[in-house]
């Protein structure tokens, strides 16, 4: 039951923030590339594009991120049990690794970068989203663990 009441909400909060950041970074990377070739984009168009991307990417990229983070956090949870003082660092690294592996695997399998915002410097922005997600999960999970004296 602790999984459903404490860890699952922590994971969902982390995933939602991570996906939102990844989608935002993707959208702004694409907009920036359009501006670089001389296309004028108004603030309203930027906002609409960002919201449309968030909704459009949710079923696919959102699911990919959820699976990648779940696997990374599960493995990291096992390492964390042996090294609890490195919890935050481990989960941040797990978030970055989850994104790196997912993006590289997708590109290798499909031979194309399906997330346009993951090209060039956008790739590193996606990794930052993963790092933030790992940090948030570590903080929320640590609060749960310390409440139950399982350190």
N, C-alpha and C. Protein backbone atom coordinates (compact mmCIF):
# COMPACT_ATOMS: atom_id res chain seq x y z
N UNK A 1 0.80 -1.21 0.00
CA UNK A 1 0.00 0.00 0.00
C UNK A 1 0.85 1.28 0.00
N UNK A 2 2.04 1.28 0.64
CA UNK A 2 2.85 2.50 0.59
C UNK A 2 3.18 2.91 -0.84
N UNK A 3 3.31 1.95 -1.75
CA UNK A 3 3.60 2.28 -3.14
C UNK A 3 2.49 3.15 -3.72
N UNK A 4 1.24 2.74 -3.50
CA UNK A 4 0.12 3.48 -4.07
C UNK A 4 -0.11 4.82 -3.38
N UNK A 5 0.18 4.89 -2.11
CA UNK A 5 -0.13 6.12 -1.38
C UNK A 5 1.02 7.12 -1.37
N UNK A 6 2.26 6.66 -1.48
CA UNK A 6 3.39 7.58 -1.36
C UNK A 6 4.29 7.60 -2.61
N UNK A 7 4.73 6.45 -3.04
CA UNK A 7 5.68 6.43 -4.15
C UNK A 7 5.03 6.72 -5.50
N UNK A 8 3.86 6.19 -5.74
CA UNK A 8 3.20 6.46 -7.03
C UNK A 8 2.88 7.95 -7.20
N UNK A 9 2.30 8.62 -6.21
CA UNK A 9 2.10 10.06 -6.37
C UNK A 9 3.42 10.82 -6.57
N UNK A 10 4.48 10.40 -5.88
CA UNK A 10 5.79 11.04 -6.07
C UNK A 10 6.28 10.84 -7.49
N UNK A 11 6.10 9.64 -8.00
CA UNK A 11 6.51 9.36 -9.38
C UNK A 11 5.68 10.17 -10.37
N UNK A 12 4.38 10.19 -10.16
CA UNK A 12 3.51 10.92 -11.10
C UNK A 12 3.82 12.42 -11.10
N UNK A 13 4.08 12.99 -9.93
CA UNK A 13 4.44 14.41 -9.87
C UNK A 13 5.76 14.65 -10.60
N UNK A 14 6.71 13.78 -10.38
CA UNK A 14 8.01 13.89 -11.05
C UNK A 14 7.85 13.74 -12.56
N UNK A 15 7.11 12.75 -12.98
CA UNK A 15 6.90 12.51 -14.41
C UNK A 15 6.20 13.70 -15.07
N UNK A 16 5.15 14.22 -14.43
CA UNK A 16 4.41 15.33 -15.02
C UNK A 16 5.29 16.56 -15.19
N UNK A 17 6.08 16.87 -14.18
CA UNK A 17 6.99 18.01 -14.30
C UNK A 17 8.04 17.75 -15.37
N UNK A 18 8.59 16.56 -15.39
CA UNK A 18 9.62 16.20 -16.37
C UNK A 18 9.07 16.28 -17.79
N UNK A 19 7.92 15.70 -18.01
CA UNK A 19 7.31 15.75 -19.34
C UNK A 19 7.00 17.18 -19.75
N UNK A 20 6.48 17.97 -18.82
CA UNK A 20 6.13 19.36 -19.13
C UNK A 20 7.38 20.15 -19.52
N UNK A 21 8.46 19.97 -18.78
CA UNK A 21 9.72 20.64 -19.13
C UNK A 21 10.24 20.16 -20.48
N UNK A 22 10.23 18.85 -20.69
CA UNK A 22 10.73 18.30 -21.96
C UNK A 22 9.91 18.83 -23.14
N UNK A 23 8.61 18.89 -22.98
CA UNK A 23 7.74 19.41 -24.03
C UNK A 23 8.00 20.90 -24.26
N UNK A 24 8.13 21.65 -23.18
CA UNK A 24 8.42 23.08 -23.28
C UNK A 24 9.75 23.32 -23.98
N UNK A 25 10.78 22.57 -23.59
CA UNK A 25 12.09 22.72 -24.22
C UNK A 25 12.03 22.36 -25.70
N UNK A 26 11.29 21.31 -26.01
CA UNK A 26 11.12 20.91 -27.41
C UNK A 26 10.47 22.04 -28.21
N UNK A 27 9.36 22.55 -27.71
CA UNK A 27 8.62 23.59 -28.41
C UNK A 27 9.47 24.83 -28.65
N UNK A 28 10.17 25.26 -27.63
CA UNK A 28 10.97 26.47 -27.75
C UNK A 28 12.18 26.26 -28.65
N UNK A 29 12.73 25.05 -28.68
CA UNK A 29 13.81 24.75 -29.61
C UNK A 29 13.31 24.88 -31.05
N UNK A 30 12.15 24.30 -31.32
CA UNK A 30 11.59 24.36 -32.67
C UNK A 30 11.28 25.80 -33.06
N UNK A 31 10.67 26.55 -32.16
CA UNK A 31 10.36 27.96 -32.43
C UNK A 31 11.64 28.74 -32.70
N UNK A 32 12.66 28.48 -31.90
CA UNK A 32 13.94 29.17 -32.08
C UNK A 32 14.53 28.86 -33.46
N UNK A 33 14.42 27.64 -33.91
CA UNK A 33 14.93 27.28 -35.23
C UNK A 33 14.16 28.00 -36.33
N UNK A 34 12.86 28.16 -36.16
CA UNK A 34 12.06 28.89 -37.14
C UNK A 34 12.44 30.37 -37.16
N UNK A 35 12.65 30.94 -36.00
CA UNK A 35 13.06 32.35 -35.91
C UNK A 35 14.42 32.54 -36.55
N UNK A 36 15.31 31.56 -36.39
CA UNK A 36 16.65 31.65 -36.98
C UNK A 36 16.64 31.70 -38.50
N UNK A 37 15.59 31.17 -39.13
CA UNK A 37 15.51 31.24 -40.59
C UNK A 37 14.63 32.39 -41.06
N UNK A 38 14.27 33.29 -40.13
CA UNK A 38 13.59 34.51 -40.51
C UNK A 38 12.08 34.52 -40.38
N UNK A 39 11.50 33.51 -39.80
CA UNK A 39 10.05 33.48 -39.63
C UNK A 39 9.69 34.22 -38.35
N UNK A 40 8.75 35.14 -38.47
CA UNK A 40 8.29 35.88 -37.29
C UNK A 40 7.21 35.07 -36.58
N UNK A 41 7.38 34.93 -35.27
CA UNK A 41 6.42 34.17 -34.48
C UNK A 41 6.03 35.04 -33.29
N UNK A 42 4.73 35.32 -33.19
CA UNK A 42 4.25 36.18 -32.11
C UNK A 42 4.25 35.41 -30.79
N UNK A 43 4.12 36.15 -29.71
CA UNK A 43 4.06 35.53 -28.39
C UNK A 43 2.86 34.59 -28.28
N UNK A 44 1.72 35.02 -28.81
CA UNK A 44 0.52 34.16 -28.78
C UNK A 44 0.74 32.87 -29.55
N UNK A 45 1.42 32.97 -30.70
CA UNK A 45 1.72 31.75 -31.47
C UNK A 45 2.65 30.83 -30.69
N UNK A 46 3.63 31.41 -29.99
CA UNK A 46 4.53 30.61 -29.16
C UNK A 46 3.76 29.85 -28.08
N UNK A 47 2.85 30.56 -27.42
CA UNK A 47 2.07 29.95 -26.35
C UNK A 47 1.18 28.84 -26.92
N UNK A 48 0.51 29.13 -28.03
CA UNK A 48 -0.37 28.12 -28.65
C UNK A 48 0.42 26.90 -29.11
N UNK A 49 1.58 27.13 -29.72
CA UNK A 49 2.42 26.02 -30.16
C UNK A 49 2.85 25.17 -28.96
N UNK A 50 3.23 25.83 -27.89
CA UNK A 50 3.67 25.12 -26.69
C UNK A 50 2.55 24.26 -26.11
N UNK A 51 1.35 24.82 -26.02
CA UNK A 51 0.22 24.06 -25.50
C UNK A 51 -0.17 22.92 -26.44
N UNK A 52 -0.17 23.19 -27.74
CA UNK A 52 -0.49 22.13 -28.72
C UNK A 52 0.54 21.00 -28.66
N UNK A 53 1.81 21.37 -28.53
CA UNK A 53 2.85 20.35 -28.42
C UNK A 53 2.67 19.53 -27.16
N UNK A 54 2.34 20.17 -26.05
CA UNK A 54 2.16 19.44 -24.79
C UNK A 54 1.08 18.39 -24.95
N UNK A 55 -0.05 18.80 -25.51
CA UNK A 55 -1.15 17.85 -25.70
C UNK A 55 -0.82 16.78 -26.74
N UNK A 56 -0.15 17.19 -27.81
CA UNK A 56 0.17 16.26 -28.88
C UNK A 56 1.24 15.24 -28.51
N UNK A 57 2.19 15.66 -27.68
CA UNK A 57 3.27 14.76 -27.29
C UNK A 57 2.91 13.86 -26.11
N UNK A 58 1.87 14.22 -25.38
CA UNK A 58 1.52 13.47 -24.16
C UNK A 58 1.35 11.97 -24.37
N UNK A 59 0.57 11.54 -25.36
CA UNK A 59 0.37 10.08 -25.49
C UNK A 59 1.62 9.30 -25.92
N UNK A 60 2.50 9.94 -26.67
CA UNK A 60 3.67 9.19 -27.17
C UNK A 60 4.92 9.50 -26.35
N UNK A 61 5.38 10.72 -26.43
CA UNK A 61 6.60 11.10 -25.71
C UNK A 61 6.37 11.01 -24.20
N UNK A 62 5.18 11.35 -23.77
CA UNK A 62 4.85 11.23 -22.34
C UNK A 62 4.96 9.79 -21.86
N UNK A 63 4.47 8.86 -22.68
CA UNK A 63 4.56 7.44 -22.32
C UNK A 63 6.01 6.96 -22.33
N UNK A 64 6.78 7.40 -23.31
CA UNK A 64 8.19 7.01 -23.39
C UNK A 64 8.93 7.51 -22.15
N UNK A 65 8.67 8.75 -21.78
CA UNK A 65 9.32 9.31 -20.60
C UNK A 65 8.91 8.56 -19.34
N UNK A 66 7.63 8.22 -19.22
CA UNK A 66 7.15 7.49 -18.04
C UNK A 66 7.84 6.14 -17.91
N UNK A 67 7.94 5.41 -19.01
CA UNK A 67 8.59 4.10 -18.97
C UNK A 67 10.08 4.24 -18.66
N UNK A 68 10.74 5.19 -19.30
CA UNK A 68 12.17 5.39 -19.07
C UNK A 68 12.46 5.77 -17.62
N UNK A 69 11.67 6.70 -17.09
CA UNK A 69 11.89 7.12 -15.70
C UNK A 69 11.54 6.00 -14.72
N UNK A 70 10.48 5.27 -14.98
CA UNK A 70 10.10 4.17 -14.08
C UNK A 70 11.22 3.14 -14.00
N UNK A 71 11.76 2.77 -15.14
CA UNK A 71 12.85 1.79 -15.14
C UNK A 71 14.08 2.36 -14.44
N UNK A 72 14.44 3.59 -14.76
CA UNK A 72 15.63 4.20 -14.16
C UNK A 72 15.48 4.36 -12.66
N UNK A 73 14.30 4.79 -12.21
CA UNK A 73 14.09 4.99 -10.77
C UNK A 73 14.02 3.65 -10.03
N UNK A 74 13.50 2.62 -10.68
CA UNK A 74 13.47 1.31 -10.05
C UNK A 74 14.89 0.79 -9.82
N UNK A 75 15.71 0.85 -10.84
CA UNK A 75 17.10 0.40 -10.71
C UNK A 75 17.84 1.27 -9.69
N UNK A 76 17.62 2.56 -9.75
CA UNK A 76 18.30 3.47 -8.83
C UNK A 76 17.83 3.23 -7.40
N UNK A 77 16.58 2.87 -7.21
CA UNK A 77 16.08 2.55 -5.88
C UNK A 77 16.84 1.40 -5.24
N UNK A 78 17.23 0.44 -6.05
CA UNK A 78 18.01 -0.69 -5.53
C UNK A 78 19.41 -0.24 -5.11
N UNK A 79 20.01 0.63 -5.90
CA UNK A 79 21.34 1.17 -5.55
C UNK A 79 21.22 2.07 -4.33
N UNK A 80 20.14 2.84 -4.27
CA UNK A 80 19.92 3.78 -3.16
C UNK A 80 19.87 3.06 -1.81
N UNK A 81 19.33 1.87 -1.78
CA UNK A 81 19.25 1.12 -0.52
C UNK A 81 20.63 0.86 0.08
N UNK A 82 21.62 0.70 -0.78
CA UNK A 82 22.99 0.45 -0.30
C UNK A 82 23.76 1.74 -0.07
N UNK A 83 23.34 2.82 -0.72
CA UNK A 83 24.05 4.10 -0.61
C UNK A 83 23.05 5.24 -0.40
N UNK A 84 22.34 5.26 0.73
CA UNK A 84 21.29 6.26 0.92
C UNK A 84 21.78 7.70 1.00
N UNK A 85 23.03 7.91 1.35
CA UNK A 85 23.49 9.29 1.46
C UNK A 85 23.68 9.95 0.09
N UNK A 86 23.66 9.17 -0.98
CA UNK A 86 23.81 9.71 -2.33
C UNK A 86 22.48 9.72 -3.08
N UNK A 87 21.38 9.69 -2.37
CA UNK A 87 20.06 9.57 -2.98
C UNK A 87 19.76 10.59 -4.05
N UNK A 88 19.93 11.86 -3.73
CA UNK A 88 19.59 12.90 -4.71
C UNK A 88 20.47 12.78 -5.94
N UNK A 89 21.77 12.63 -5.74
CA UNK A 89 22.67 12.52 -6.88
C UNK A 89 22.33 11.31 -7.74
N UNK A 90 22.02 10.19 -7.12
CA UNK A 90 21.70 8.97 -7.87
C UNK A 90 20.46 9.16 -8.73
N UNK A 91 19.42 9.78 -8.16
CA UNK A 91 18.19 9.95 -8.93
C UNK A 91 18.32 11.02 -10.02
N UNK A 92 19.13 12.03 -9.78
CA UNK A 92 19.39 13.02 -10.84
C UNK A 92 20.10 12.34 -12.00
N UNK A 93 21.12 11.55 -11.69
CA UNK A 93 21.84 10.81 -12.74
C UNK A 93 20.90 9.84 -13.45
N UNK A 94 20.00 9.22 -12.69
CA UNK A 94 19.03 8.30 -13.29
C UNK A 94 18.12 9.01 -14.28
N UNK A 95 17.66 10.21 -13.92
CA UNK A 95 16.80 10.98 -14.82
C UNK A 95 17.52 11.35 -16.10
N UNK A 96 18.76 11.80 -15.97
CA UNK A 96 19.56 12.15 -17.15
C UNK A 96 19.79 10.92 -18.02
N UNK A 97 20.16 9.83 -17.38
CA UNK A 97 20.43 8.58 -18.11
C UNK A 97 19.18 8.07 -18.81
N UNK A 98 18.04 8.15 -18.15
CA UNK A 98 16.79 7.69 -18.75
C UNK A 98 16.51 8.43 -20.06
N UNK A 99 16.70 9.75 -20.04
CA UNK A 99 16.47 10.53 -21.26
C UNK A 99 17.50 10.21 -22.33
N UNK A 100 18.75 10.15 -21.93
CA UNK A 100 19.81 9.88 -22.91
C UNK A 100 19.58 8.54 -23.60
N UNK A 101 19.29 7.52 -22.82
CA UNK A 101 19.07 6.18 -23.38
C UNK A 101 17.83 6.17 -24.27
N UNK A 102 16.74 6.77 -23.80
CA UNK A 102 15.50 6.76 -24.59
C UNK A 102 15.69 7.50 -25.91
N UNK A 103 16.29 8.68 -25.87
CA UNK A 103 16.46 9.45 -27.11
C UNK A 103 17.42 8.78 -28.08
N UNK A 104 18.51 8.25 -27.57
CA UNK A 104 19.47 7.57 -28.45
C UNK A 104 18.87 6.28 -29.00
N UNK A 105 18.13 5.54 -28.17
CA UNK A 105 17.51 4.30 -28.63
C UNK A 105 16.47 4.57 -29.72
N UNK A 106 15.65 5.60 -29.52
CA UNK A 106 14.64 5.92 -30.52
C UNK A 106 15.31 6.30 -31.84
N UNK A 107 16.35 7.11 -31.75
CA UNK A 107 17.04 7.52 -32.98
C UNK A 107 17.71 6.33 -33.66
N UNK A 108 18.29 5.43 -32.87
CA UNK A 108 18.96 4.26 -33.44
C UNK A 108 17.97 3.31 -34.10
N UNK A 109 16.85 3.10 -33.45
CA UNK A 109 15.85 2.17 -33.96
C UNK A 109 15.15 2.72 -35.20
N UNK A 110 14.75 3.99 -35.13
CA UNK A 110 13.97 4.57 -36.22
C UNK A 110 14.83 5.30 -37.25
N UNK A 111 16.11 5.47 -36.94
CA UNK A 111 17.04 6.16 -37.82
C UNK A 111 16.61 7.60 -38.13
N UNK A 112 15.93 8.21 -37.16
CA UNK A 112 15.49 9.60 -37.28
C UNK A 112 15.25 10.14 -35.88
N UNK A 113 15.47 11.43 -35.70
CA UNK A 113 15.17 12.06 -34.42
C UNK A 113 13.70 12.47 -34.46
N UNK A 114 12.84 11.71 -33.77
CA UNK A 114 11.41 11.99 -33.84
C UNK A 114 11.02 13.18 -32.96
N UNK A 115 11.86 13.50 -31.99
CA UNK A 115 11.63 14.69 -31.17
C UNK A 115 12.55 15.77 -31.73
N UNK A 116 11.97 16.66 -32.53
CA UNK A 116 12.77 17.69 -33.20
C UNK A 116 13.53 18.54 -32.19
N UNK A 117 12.94 18.74 -31.03
CA UNK A 117 13.58 19.54 -30.00
C UNK A 117 14.73 18.83 -29.31
N UNK A 118 15.06 17.62 -29.72
CA UNK A 118 16.18 16.88 -29.13
C UNK A 118 17.39 16.87 -30.06
N UNK A 119 17.41 17.80 -31.01
CA UNK A 119 18.57 17.93 -31.89
C UNK A 119 19.48 19.03 -31.35
N UNK A 120 20.75 18.92 -31.64
CA UNK A 120 21.69 19.97 -31.23
C UNK A 120 21.65 20.23 -29.73
N UNK A 121 21.59 21.53 -29.37
CA UNK A 121 21.56 21.87 -27.95
C UNK A 121 20.25 21.43 -27.30
N UNK A 122 19.23 21.15 -28.10
CA UNK A 122 17.95 20.67 -27.56
C UNK A 122 18.09 19.33 -26.85
N UNK A 123 19.05 18.51 -27.30
CA UNK A 123 19.30 17.23 -26.64
C UNK A 123 19.68 17.46 -25.18
N UNK A 124 20.54 18.45 -24.95
CA UNK A 124 20.98 18.73 -23.58
C UNK A 124 19.87 19.34 -22.75
N UNK A 125 18.99 20.09 -23.39
CA UNK A 125 17.83 20.63 -22.68
C UNK A 125 16.92 19.48 -22.22
N UNK A 126 16.79 18.45 -23.06
CA UNK A 126 16.00 17.28 -22.67
C UNK A 126 16.63 16.58 -21.46
N UNK A 127 17.96 16.51 -21.46
CA UNK A 127 18.66 15.89 -20.32
C UNK A 127 18.42 16.69 -19.05
N UNK A 128 18.34 18.00 -19.17
CA UNK A 128 18.05 18.84 -18.00
C UNK A 128 16.67 18.51 -17.45
N UNK A 129 15.71 18.29 -18.33
CA UNK A 129 14.36 17.89 -17.90
C UNK A 129 14.44 16.59 -17.10
N UNK A 130 15.24 15.65 -17.57
CA UNK A 130 15.42 14.39 -16.85
C UNK A 130 16.07 14.60 -15.49
N UNK A 131 17.04 15.49 -15.43
CA UNK A 131 17.72 15.78 -14.15
C UNK A 131 16.74 16.38 -13.15
N UNK A 132 15.90 17.29 -13.61
CA UNK A 132 14.90 17.91 -12.72
C UNK A 132 13.93 16.84 -12.22
N UNK A 133 13.50 15.97 -13.11
CA UNK A 133 12.59 14.90 -12.70
C UNK A 133 13.21 13.98 -11.67
N UNK A 134 14.48 13.65 -11.86
CA UNK A 134 15.17 12.81 -10.88
C UNK A 134 15.29 13.49 -9.54
N UNK A 135 15.58 14.79 -9.57
CA UNK A 135 15.70 15.56 -8.33
C UNK A 135 14.37 15.60 -7.58
N UNK A 136 13.30 15.90 -8.30
CA UNK A 136 11.98 15.98 -7.67
C UNK A 136 11.59 14.64 -7.07
N UNK A 137 11.81 13.57 -7.82
CA UNK A 137 11.47 12.25 -7.28
C UNK A 137 12.30 11.93 -6.05
N UNK A 138 13.58 12.25 -6.07
CA UNK A 138 14.44 11.98 -4.92
C UNK A 138 13.96 12.72 -3.69
N UNK A 139 13.60 13.97 -3.86
CA UNK A 139 13.13 14.77 -2.72
C UNK A 139 11.81 14.21 -2.18
N UNK A 140 10.88 13.92 -3.07
CA UNK A 140 9.58 13.39 -2.62
C UNK A 140 9.72 12.00 -2.02
N UNK A 141 10.53 11.14 -2.61
CA UNK A 141 10.72 9.79 -2.10
C UNK A 141 11.48 9.81 -0.78
N UNK A 142 12.44 10.71 -0.66
CA UNK A 142 13.21 10.81 0.59
C UNK A 142 12.30 11.22 1.74
N UNK A 143 11.38 12.14 1.47
CA UNK A 143 10.42 12.54 2.50
C UNK A 143 9.60 11.34 2.96
N UNK A 144 9.20 10.49 2.03
CA UNK A 144 8.45 9.28 2.38
C UNK A 144 9.31 8.34 3.21
N UNK A 145 10.53 8.11 2.78
CA UNK A 145 11.41 7.17 3.47
C UNK A 145 11.72 7.67 4.88
N UNK A 146 12.02 8.96 5.03
CA UNK A 146 12.35 9.45 6.36
C UNK A 146 11.14 9.42 7.30
N UNK A 147 9.95 9.56 6.77
CA UNK A 147 8.74 9.46 7.62
C UNK A 147 8.54 8.05 8.14
N UNK A 148 9.04 7.07 7.40
CA UNK A 148 8.85 5.68 7.80
C UNK A 148 10.11 5.07 8.40
N UNK A 149 11.11 5.89 8.66
CA UNK A 149 12.35 5.45 9.28
C UNK A 149 12.98 4.25 8.58
N UNK A 150 13.04 4.30 7.25
CA UNK A 150 13.63 3.21 6.49
C UNK A 150 14.99 3.58 5.91
N UNK A 151 15.63 4.61 6.39
CA UNK A 151 16.95 4.98 5.88
C UNK A 151 17.89 3.96 6.33
